[in-house]
Amino acid sequence: MGRLPRALAQALPASAESESRPLVLTVAVPDTSGHENDVVTLGNLQLENIPHFRPFAASLSAAGVSHKPISVRYIQGSQTVVLSHIECRLQDVAHLPLLQQLCIQYTPLTSLLLDLPWFGMDPLPELSALTLTRLTLRGGLPYVYQFLAALHAPALQHLEVKFHRSLWDHLGNPDDPSLDHAYTLALSPQRLPALRVARFEETEEVPRYSEVALGCALGPMLSLATLEDVEVRLRASAMWVSDADAAVVARAWPNLRRLVLRSVQVSRRLPTLDALVYLEAGCGNIEELFLPRLDLGLASTSNDDQGTQGQSQDDSDNVSFPRGMVQCEWGHPLRSLRVGCQTRKTVTQEQATVIGRRIDELFPNLEPDVQFMSAASAELYMSDWYLIWTGIIGAKVARLQQK
């Protein structure tokens, strides 16, 4: 999205007599990587003068929605102006039918960025976007899920969400009766059958007192088994990832190749090493894993009863999961493991050696290096993870010597 040369067009303010709010549109050419010097400006045009947009412009006029002349850019030498990316700021739920008309009438549309308004409690009307392959949504997380629940996009592969939380959004407790109903939705895999990548980024500036429970915040996404790349980045909120969450994620997304869960603030409720056991057993294709810190005090390191021992004192006691590890000649494919570092030592050298050996058993193809954990070198050397890192290296050396 950021590589697209686009010309922004701000909507004219709605007239004092009109109750409708302006629809803000942006149009752009397709990805022009390698053609930057060939991109020229066509000029400022009324929407109705752009090919394929006349019916949509007429719909805007009929609805009393204002817009501004759009500066269109295109690749020099092309026979027609084909716009594949559009940005739109919805300021009223009444704009959804206009968005539907745009998606239907303008079939070259493959990339869409939407700023979402407050939708209320009622279900949204169905929205079909048959050619859409990439979607970026910005707004409150409940409204994002409301929109996705109404969306039918059979070609959509990449979803990016930039979200904020309301003051009343308590995501730290999935059983909270005041939890927004949108978090209980289950997105339809039949309506989003091609979705592979989902990335969520919090845009809050001020830290919140309430944590974000992963199983709650991503609950509606757990029904989409096609996901292969999931990333969540929290700027201000602490992320709570329990062992139970890891087990649920491993069952819901068996095709995962990449899972990145990052937060600046640290939750006091942390997963144990058993979370790695769940992910190893359920996600046989995962190659990159980033977790917020692990609680080493509750972790079990014995090979006995693998997959069930040492669970933290939360709802993971109610979770069952296959005990067996991935059985193949070359072992589990995970190569990159990163965990937020804590700067105080909580395990002994002997315990760290056992933990390192256990991690090597789970992920024999792991490539530990100085950047093994997500921390500056000084912080790494002061933490448990330096000892564990040396334990993994020692386990690899011992394994090679046995061959």
Protein backbone atom coordinates (compact mmCIF):
# COMPACT_ATOMS: atom_id res chain seq x y z
CA MET A 1 0.00 0.00 0.00
CA GLY A 2 2.72 2.45 0.94
CA ARG A 3 4.48 1.92 -2.40
CA LEU A 4 1.49 3.08 -4.42
CA PRO A 5 1.82 6.63 -5.78
CA ARG A 6 -1.52 8.12 -4.86
CA ALA A 7 -3.09 11.55 -5.05
CA LEU A 8 -5.28 12.34 -2.09
CA ALA A 9 -8.60 14.08 -2.53
CA GLN A 10 -10.34 15.50 0.53
CA ALA A 11 -14.11 15.74 0.45
CA LEU A 12 -15.82 19.07 0.45
CA PRO A 13 -17.58 19.85 3.73
CA ALA A 14 -21.24 18.94 3.74
CA SER A 15 -23.53 21.89 3.26
CA ALA A 16 -25.36 23.29 6.23
CA GLU A 17 -28.66 22.22 4.71
CA SER A 18 -27.56 18.63 4.14
CA GLU A 19 -27.56 16.03 6.87
CA SER A 20 -25.25 13.71 4.92
CA ARG A 21 -21.58 13.58 5.78
CA PRO A 22 -18.91 13.68 3.07
CA LEU A 23 -17.42 10.51 1.63
CA VAL A 24 -13.65 10.90 1.29
CA LEU A 25 -12.13 9.13 -1.69
CA THR A 26 -8.58 8.50 -2.84
CA VAL A 27 -7.69 6.76 -6.09
CA ALA A 28 -4.36 5.42 -7.31
CA VAL A 29 -2.66 3.44 -10.02
CA PRO A 30 -1.58 -0.16 -9.45
CA ASP A 31 1.74 -0.94 -7.77
CA THR A 32 4.35 0.91 -9.82
CA SER A 33 7.53 -0.70 -8.52
CA GLY A 34 10.14 -0.24 -11.23
CA HIS A 35 8.08 2.40 -13.04
CA GLU A 36 8.51 5.37 -10.69
CA ASN A 37 10.00 7.57 -13.43
CA ASP A 38 7.13 6.76 -15.78
CA VAL A 39 4.34 7.90 -13.45
CA VAL A 40 2.78 11.18 -14.52
CA THR A 41 -0.19 13.20 -13.31
CA LEU A 42 -3.25 13.17 -15.49
CA GLY A 43 -4.64 16.24 -13.75
CA ASN A 44 -7.54 17.19 -11.51
CA LEU A 45 -10.71 15.58 -12.78
CA GLN A 46 -14.25 15.36 -11.59
CA LEU A 47 -15.09 11.83 -10.60
CA GLU A 48 -17.68 11.56 -13.36
CA ASN A 49 -14.98 12.31 -15.96
CA ILE A 50 -12.84 9.33 -14.95
CA PRO A 51 -13.52 6.20 -17.03
CA HIS A 52 -15.70 3.62 -15.26
CA PHE A 53 -16.61 6.03 -12.44
CA ARG A 54 -19.55 7.86 -14.01
CA PRO A 55 -22.26 5.57 -12.54
CA PHE A 56 -20.70 5.83 -9.11
CA ALA A 57 -20.44 9.61 -9.37
CA ALA A 58 -24.13 9.72 -10.24
CA SER A 59 -24.91 7.64 -7.17
CA LEU A 60 -22.95 10.05 -4.98
CA SER A 61 -24.86 12.99 -6.39
CA ALA A 62 -28.21 11.25 -5.92
CA ALA A 63 -27.34 10.53 -2.29
CA GLY A 64 -26.22 14.09 -1.65
CA VAL A 65 -22.67 12.98 -0.87
CA SER A 66 -19.97 15.46 -1.81
CA HIS A 67 -16.48 14.83 -3.14
CA LYS A 68 -13.62 16.86 -4.52
CA PRO A 69 -11.96 16.71 -7.97
CA ILE A 70 -9.42 13.89 -7.89
CA SER A 71 -5.85 14.15 -9.10
CA VAL A 72 -5.23 10.90 -10.97
CA ARG A 73 -1.77 9.47 -11.61
CA TYR A 74 -1.03 6.78 -14.15
CA ILE A 75 1.87 5.04 -15.86
CA GLN A 76 3.00 6.87 -18.98
CA GLY A 77 2.41 4.89 -22.13
CA SER A 78 -0.54 2.92 -20.79
CA GLN A 79 -3.55 2.86 -23.08
CA THR A 80 -6.12 3.39 -20.35
CA VAL A 81 -6.19 4.73 -16.83
CA VAL A 82 -6.75 1.64 -14.68
CA LEU A 83 -7.07 2.28 -10.97
CA SER A 84 -6.64 -0.76 -8.75
CA HIS A 85 -6.40 0.94 -5.33
CA ILE A 86 -8.99 3.18 -3.68
CA GLU A 87 -9.06 4.74 -0.23
CA CYS A 88 -12.32 5.76 1.37
CA ARG A 89 -13.25 7.26 4.72
CA LEU A 90 -16.72 6.18 5.69
CA GLN A 91 -18.29 8.66 8.07
CA ASP A 92 -21.76 7.19 8.21
CA VAL A 93 -23.24 3.70 8.01
CA ALA A 94 -25.43 5.09 5.21
CA HIS A 95 -22.32 5.13 2.99
CA LEU A 96 -22.13 1.32 2.88
CA PRO A 97 -24.53 0.98 -0.10
CA LEU A 98 -22.33 3.46 -2.00
CA LEU A 99 -19.27 1.39 -1.17
CA GLN A 100 -21.08 -1.71 -2.39
CA GLN A 101 -21.90 0.01 -5.67
CA LEU A 102 -18.29 1.06 -6.09
CA CYS A 103 -17.02 -2.49 -5.53
CA ILE A 104 -19.53 -3.94 -8.00
CA GLN A 105 -19.31 -1.34 -10.76
CA TYR A 106 -15.56 -0.88 -10.73
CA THR A 107 -14.25 -4.41 -11.28
CA PRO A 108 -10.50 -3.61 -11.58
CA LEU A 109 -10.54 -2.80 -7.85
CA THR A 110 -8.10 -5.11 -6.05
CA SER A 111 -6.90 -2.95 -3.14
CA LEU A 112 -9.05 -0.98 -0.71
CA LEU A 113 -8.32 1.10 2.38
CA LEU A 114 -11.28 2.02 4.58
CA ASP A 115 -11.63 4.26 7.60
CA LEU A 116 -14.61 2.89 9.51
CA PRO A 117 -17.18 4.87 11.51
CA TRP A 118 -19.18 3.80 14.55
CA PHE A 119 -21.69 1.23 13.33
CA GLY A 120 -23.95 0.65 16.31
CA MET A 121 -25.35 -2.72 17.37
CA ASP A 122 -27.33 -3.75 14.28
CA PRO A 123 -25.81 -6.20 11.76
CA LEU A 124 -24.46 -4.52 8.64
CA PRO A 125 -25.86 -5.22 5.16
CA GLU A 126 -23.89 -7.70 3.09
CA LEU A 127 -21.02 -6.21 1.09
CA SER A 128 -19.58 -8.08 -1.90
CA ALA A 129 -16.12 -7.27 -3.24
CA LEU A 130 -15.39 -10.07 -5.68
CA THR A 131 -12.06 -8.81 -7.09
CA LEU A 132 -10.57 -7.48 -3.85
CA THR A 133 -7.26 -9.12 -2.89
CA ARG A 134 -5.92 -6.65 -0.30
CA LEU A 135 -7.86 -4.78 2.40
CA THR A 136 -6.76 -2.29 5.04
CA LEU A 137 -9.21 -1.27 7.76
CA ARG A 138 -8.76 1.55 10.26
CA GLY A 139 -11.07 2.14 13.22
CA GLY A 140 -12.37 0.62 16.44
CA LEU A 141 -11.72 -3.13 16.66
CA PRO A 142 -15.41 -4.04 17.22
CA TYR A 143 -16.38 -2.13 14.06
CA VAL A 144 -13.66 -3.92 12.13
CA TYR A 145 -15.20 -7.26 13.04
CA GLN A 146 -18.70 -6.01 12.24
CA PHE A 147 -17.50 -5.00 8.78
CA LEU A 148 -15.65 -8.28 8.17
CA ALA A 149 -18.71 -10.28 9.23
CA ALA A 150 -20.70 -8.55 6.47
CA LEU A 151 -17.98 -8.85 3.82
CA HIS A 152 -17.97 -11.40 1.01
CA ALA A 153 -14.54 -11.26 -0.61
CA PRO A 154 -13.65 -14.63 -2.16
CA ALA A 155 -10.32 -13.37 -3.56
CA LEU A 156 -9.13 -11.50 -0.43
CA GLN A 157 -5.68 -12.71 0.62
CA HIS A 158 -4.18 -9.93 2.75
CA LEU A 159 -5.91 -8.13 5.64
CA GLU A 160 -4.31 -5.29 7.57
CA VAL A 161 -6.07 -3.75 10.58
CA LYS A 162 -4.99 -0.56 12.35
CA PHE A 163 -7.26 -0.38 15.38
CA HIS A 164 -7.90 1.60 18.52
CA ARG A 165 -9.85 0.69 21.64
CA SER A 166 -12.68 2.57 23.26
CA LEU A 167 -12.53 3.58 26.91
CA TRP A 168 -15.09 0.87 27.67
CA ASP A 169 -13.31 -1.91 25.78
CA HIS A 170 -12.25 -4.44 28.44
CA LEU A 171 -10.41 -7.08 26.45
CA GLY A 172 -8.60 -8.60 29.41
CA ASN A 173 -11.53 -10.84 30.38
CA PRO A 174 -13.34 -12.85 27.68
CA ASP A 175 -16.13 -13.61 30.18
CA ASP A 176 -16.84 -9.95 30.97
CA PRO A 177 -20.61 -9.41 30.41
CA SER A 178 -19.89 -5.89 29.15
CA LEU A 179 -17.68 -7.20 26.34
CA ASP A 180 -18.74 -5.84 22.96
CA HIS A 181 -20.87 -8.36 21.05
CA ALA A 182 -18.59 -8.02 18.01
CA TYR A 183 -15.91 -10.08 19.78
CA THR A 184 -18.28 -13.04 19.90
CA LEU A 185 -18.72 -13.11 16.11
CA ALA A 186 -17.28 -15.99 14.11
CA LEU A 187 -16.17 -14.87 10.65
CA SER A 188 -17.37 -17.13 7.85
CA PRO A 189 -14.64 -19.12 6.08
CA GLN A 190 -16.99 -19.46 3.12
CA ARG A 191 -17.08 -15.68 2.70
CA LEU A 192 -13.31 -15.23 3.12
CA PRO A 193 -11.95 -18.50 1.68
CA ALA A 194 -8.63 -17.16 0.35
CA LEU A 195 -7.46 -15.13 3.35
CA ARG A 196 -3.86 -16.01 4.20
CA VAL A 197 -2.37 -12.95 5.94
CA ALA A 198 -3.89 -11.01 8.87
CA ARG A 199 -1.97 -8.24 10.59
CA PHE A 200 -3.29 -6.19 13.50
CA GLU A 201 -1.62 -3.05 14.81
CA GLU A 202 -2.82 -1.00 17.77
CA THR A 203 -2.67 2.75 17.19
CA GLU A 204 -3.16 3.85 20.81
CA GLU A 205 -0.73 6.42 22.17
CA VAL A 206 -1.62 6.18 25.88
CA PRO A 207 -1.24 2.91 27.85
CA ARG A 208 -4.46 1.31 29.04
CA TYR A 209 -5.09 -0.16 32.45
CA SER A 210 -6.82 -3.21 30.98
CA GLU A 211 -4.84 -5.87 29.17
CA VAL A 212 -5.63 -7.42 25.81
CA ALA A 213 -6.33 -11.15 26.01
CA LEU A 214 -5.28 -12.71 22.72
CA GLY A 215 -8.12 -15.23 22.67
CA CYS A 216 -10.62 -12.42 23.14
CA ALA A 217 -9.16 -9.84 20.73
CA LEU A 218 -8.70 -12.37 17.91
CA GLY A 219 -11.72 -14.53 18.74
CA PRO A 220 -13.64 -13.80 15.50
CA MET A 221 -10.57 -14.74 13.43
CA LEU A 222 -10.23 -18.22 14.93
CA SER A 223 -12.81 -19.62 12.52
CA LEU A 224 -10.57 -18.87 9.50
CA ALA A 225 -8.42 -21.98 9.18
CA THR A 226 -6.74 -20.75 5.98
CA LEU A 227 -4.58 -18.20 7.82
CA GLU A 228 -0.83 -18.71 7.37
CA ASP A 229 0.63 -15.41 8.61
CA VAL A 230 -0.78 -13.70 11.73
CA GLU A 231 0.79 -10.70 13.42
CA VAL A 232 -0.44 -8.60 16.35
CA ARG A 233 1.45 -5.51 17.53
CA LEU A 234 0.27 -3.58 20.57
CA ARG A 235 1.72 -0.12 21.03
CA ALA A 236 0.19 0.83 24.39
CA SER A 237 -1.67 -2.18 25.79
CA ALA A 238 -0.22 -5.24 27.49
CA MET A 239 -0.88 -8.56 25.74
CA TRP A 240 -2.01 -11.59 27.69
CA VAL A 241 -1.26 -14.89 25.94
CA SER A 242 -2.13 -17.93 28.05
CA ASP A 243 -1.22 -21.55 27.43
CA ALA A 244 -4.88 -22.08 26.59
CA ASP A 245 -4.67 -19.35 23.94
CA ALA A 246 -1.67 -21.09 22.38
CA ALA A 247 -3.58 -24.38 22.27
CA VAL A 248 -6.64 -22.74 20.70
CA VAL A 249 -4.51 -20.92 18.11
CA ALA A 250 -2.72 -24.16 17.20
CA ARG A 251 -6.04 -25.94 16.65
CA ALA A 252 -7.64 -23.03 14.76
CA TRP A 253 -4.74 -22.20 12.42
CA PRO A 254 -2.94 -25.46 11.56
CA ASN A 255 -1.46 -23.93 8.40
CA LEU A 256 0.42 -21.16 10.22
CA ARG A 257 3.87 -20.37 8.87
CA ARG A 258 4.40 -17.19 10.87
CA LEU A 259 3.00 -16.01 14.23
CA VAL A 260 4.20 -12.71 15.70
CA LEU A 261 2.70 -11.43 18.97
CA ARG A 262 4.42 -8.26 20.18
CA SER A 263 3.58 -5.72 22.88
CA VAL A 264 5.61 -2.97 24.50
CA GLN A 265 3.77 -3.31 27.81
CA VAL A 266 4.19 -6.62 29.63
CA SER A 267 1.32 -8.59 31.11
CA ARG A 268 1.72 -10.16 34.53
CA ARG A 269 -0.02 -13.25 33.16
CA LEU A 270 2.39 -15.07 30.87
CA PRO A 271 2.41 -18.34 28.95
CA THR A 272 4.80 -21.10 29.97
CA LEU A 273 7.02 -23.30 27.84
CA ASP A 274 3.98 -25.52 27.39
CA ALA A 275 2.72 -22.91 24.92
CA LEU A 276 5.63 -23.95 22.70
CA VAL A 277 4.54 -27.59 23.01
CA TYR A 278 1.02 -26.74 21.83
CA LEU A 279 2.26 -24.71 18.87
CA GLU A 280 4.81 -27.35 17.93
CA ALA A 281 2.20 -30.10 17.95
CA GLY A 282 -0.56 -28.17 16.16
CA CYS A 283 1.33 -25.97 13.68
CA GLY A 284 3.55 -28.31 11.72
CA ASN A 285 4.49 -25.67 9.13
CA ILE A 286 5.37 -22.70 11.33
CA GLU A 287 8.83 -21.25 10.62
CA GLU A 288 8.79 -17.97 12.57
CA LEU A 289 7.44 -17.45 16.09
CA PHE A 290 7.55 -14.33 18.27
CA LEU A 291 5.95 -14.43 21.72
CA PRO A 292 5.69 -11.87 24.50
CA ARG A 293 7.62 -13.13 27.48
CA LEU A 294 7.40 -16.66 28.85
CA ASP A 295 6.95 -17.61 32.49
CA LEU A 296 9.77 -20.01 33.17
CA GLY A 297 8.70 -20.60 36.77
CA LEU A 298 5.60 -22.57 35.75
CA ALA A 299 7.21 -24.34 32.82
CA SER A 300 7.80 -28.06 32.81
CA THR A 301 10.85 -29.47 31.07
CA SER A 302 10.32 -33.21 31.39
CA ASN A 303 9.74 -35.29 28.28
CA ASP A 304 7.11 -37.23 30.18
CA ASP A 305 3.47 -36.27 29.62
CA GLN A 306 4.51 -33.73 27.04
CA GLY A 307 1.78 -31.34 26.04
CA THR A 308 -0.16 -31.53 29.32
CA GLN A 309 2.23 -30.79 32.15
CA GLY A 310 3.07 -27.55 33.87
CA GLN A 311 0.05 -25.57 32.75
CA SER A 312 -0.42 -22.15 34.26
CA GLN A 313 -3.18 -21.50 36.74
CA ASP A 314 -5.70 -20.22 34.24
CA ASP A 315 -8.30 -21.76 31.98
CA SER A 316 -5.69 -23.91 30.22
CA ASP A 317 -6.70 -26.71 32.61
CA ASN A 318 -9.80 -27.10 30.45
CA VAL A 319 -7.89 -27.49 27.19
CA SER A 320 -6.98 -30.84 25.68
CA PHE A 321 -4.43 -31.18 22.90
CA PRO A 322 -2.54 -33.91 21.03
CA ARG A 323 0.55 -34.96 22.97
CA GLY A 324 2.71 -36.14 20.12
CA MET A 325 5.34 -33.95 18.54
CA VAL A 326 5.75 -33.52 14.79
CA GLN A 327 7.11 -36.82 13.51
CA CYS A 328 9.23 -36.43 10.40
CA GLU A 329 12.81 -37.17 9.42
CA TRP A 330 14.01 -33.58 9.59
CA GLY A 331 11.95 -32.44 12.59
CA HIS A 332 9.79 -29.38 13.06
CA PRO A 333 10.57 -26.60 10.53
CA LEU A 334 10.64 -23.69 13.02
CA ARG A 335 13.83 -21.70 12.43
CA SER A 336 13.20 -18.38 14.16
CA LEU A 337 12.06 -18.11 17.78
CA ARG A 338 11.98 -14.75 19.54
CA VAL A 339 10.70 -14.00 23.02
CA GLY A 340 10.61 -10.71 24.91
CA CYS A 341 13.43 -10.69 27.44
CA GLN A 342 13.19 -10.12 31.15
CA THR A 343 16.32 -8.63 32.69
CA ARG A 344 16.38 -10.67 35.87
CA LYS A 345 17.49 -14.26 36.27
CA THR A 346 14.88 -16.68 37.58
CA VAL A 347 16.43 -20.03 36.62
CA THR A 348 19.69 -21.70 37.52
CA GLN A 349 22.35 -22.80 35.06
CA GLU A 350 21.16 -26.40 35.37
CA GLN A 351 17.53 -25.45 34.76
CA ALA A 352 18.49 -23.33 31.75
CA THR A 353 20.41 -26.25 30.29
CA VAL A 354 17.37 -28.52 30.64
CA ILE A 355 15.08 -25.88 29.10
CA GLY A 356 17.50 -25.35 26.22
CA ARG A 357 17.62 -29.09 25.58
CA ARG A 358 13.81 -29.26 25.66
CA ILE A 359 13.47 -26.42 23.14
CA ASP A 360 16.00 -28.13 20.88
CA GLU A 361 13.96 -31.34 21.05
CA LEU A 362 10.85 -29.45 20.01
CA PHE A 363 12.54 -27.39 17.29
CA PRO A 364 15.74 -29.09 16.07
CA ASN A 365 16.00 -26.74 13.08
CA LEU A 366 16.07 -23.61 15.23
CA GLU A 367 18.82 -21.20 14.22
CA PRO A 368 19.82 -19.43 17.45
CA ASP A 369 22.20 -16.51 17.14
CA VAL A 370 22.86 -13.25 18.94
CA GLN A 371 19.42 -12.06 17.84
CA PHE A 372 17.79 -15.22 19.17
CA MET A 373 15.70 -13.21 21.60
CA SER A 374 14.11 -9.83 21.02
CA ALA A 375 16.42 -7.71 23.09
CA ALA A 376 19.54 -5.64 22.92
CA SER A 377 22.71 -7.66 23.45
CA ALA A 378 23.30 -6.22 26.93
CA GLU A 379 19.77 -7.12 28.03
CA LEU A 380 20.10 -10.59 26.56
CA TYR A 381 23.27 -11.33 28.52
CA MET A 382 21.61 -10.21 31.77
CA SER A 383 18.58 -12.45 31.30
CA ASP A 384 17.59 -16.09 31.58
CA TRP A 385 17.63 -16.34 27.83
CA TYR A 386 21.38 -16.10 27.50
CA LEU A 387 21.69 -19.21 29.66
CA ILE A 388 18.92 -20.93 27.68
CA TRP A 389 20.55 -19.86 24.43
CA THR A 390 23.80 -21.53 25.47
CA GLY A 391 21.76 -24.58 26.51
CA ILE A 392 20.27 -24.84 23.01
CA ILE A 393 23.71 -24.52 21.42
CA GLY A 394 25.02 -27.22 23.76
CA ALA A 395 22.12 -29.53 22.88
CA LYS A 396 22.77 -29.06 19.16
CA VAL A 397 26.46 -29.82 19.58
CA ALA A 398 25.70 -32.96 21.60
CA ARG A 399 23.20 -34.12 18.98
CA LEU A 400 25.73 -33.65 16.18
CA GLN A 401 28.38 -35.56 18.13
CA GLN A 402 26.03 -38.53 18.47
CA LYS A 403 25.61 -38.84 14.72
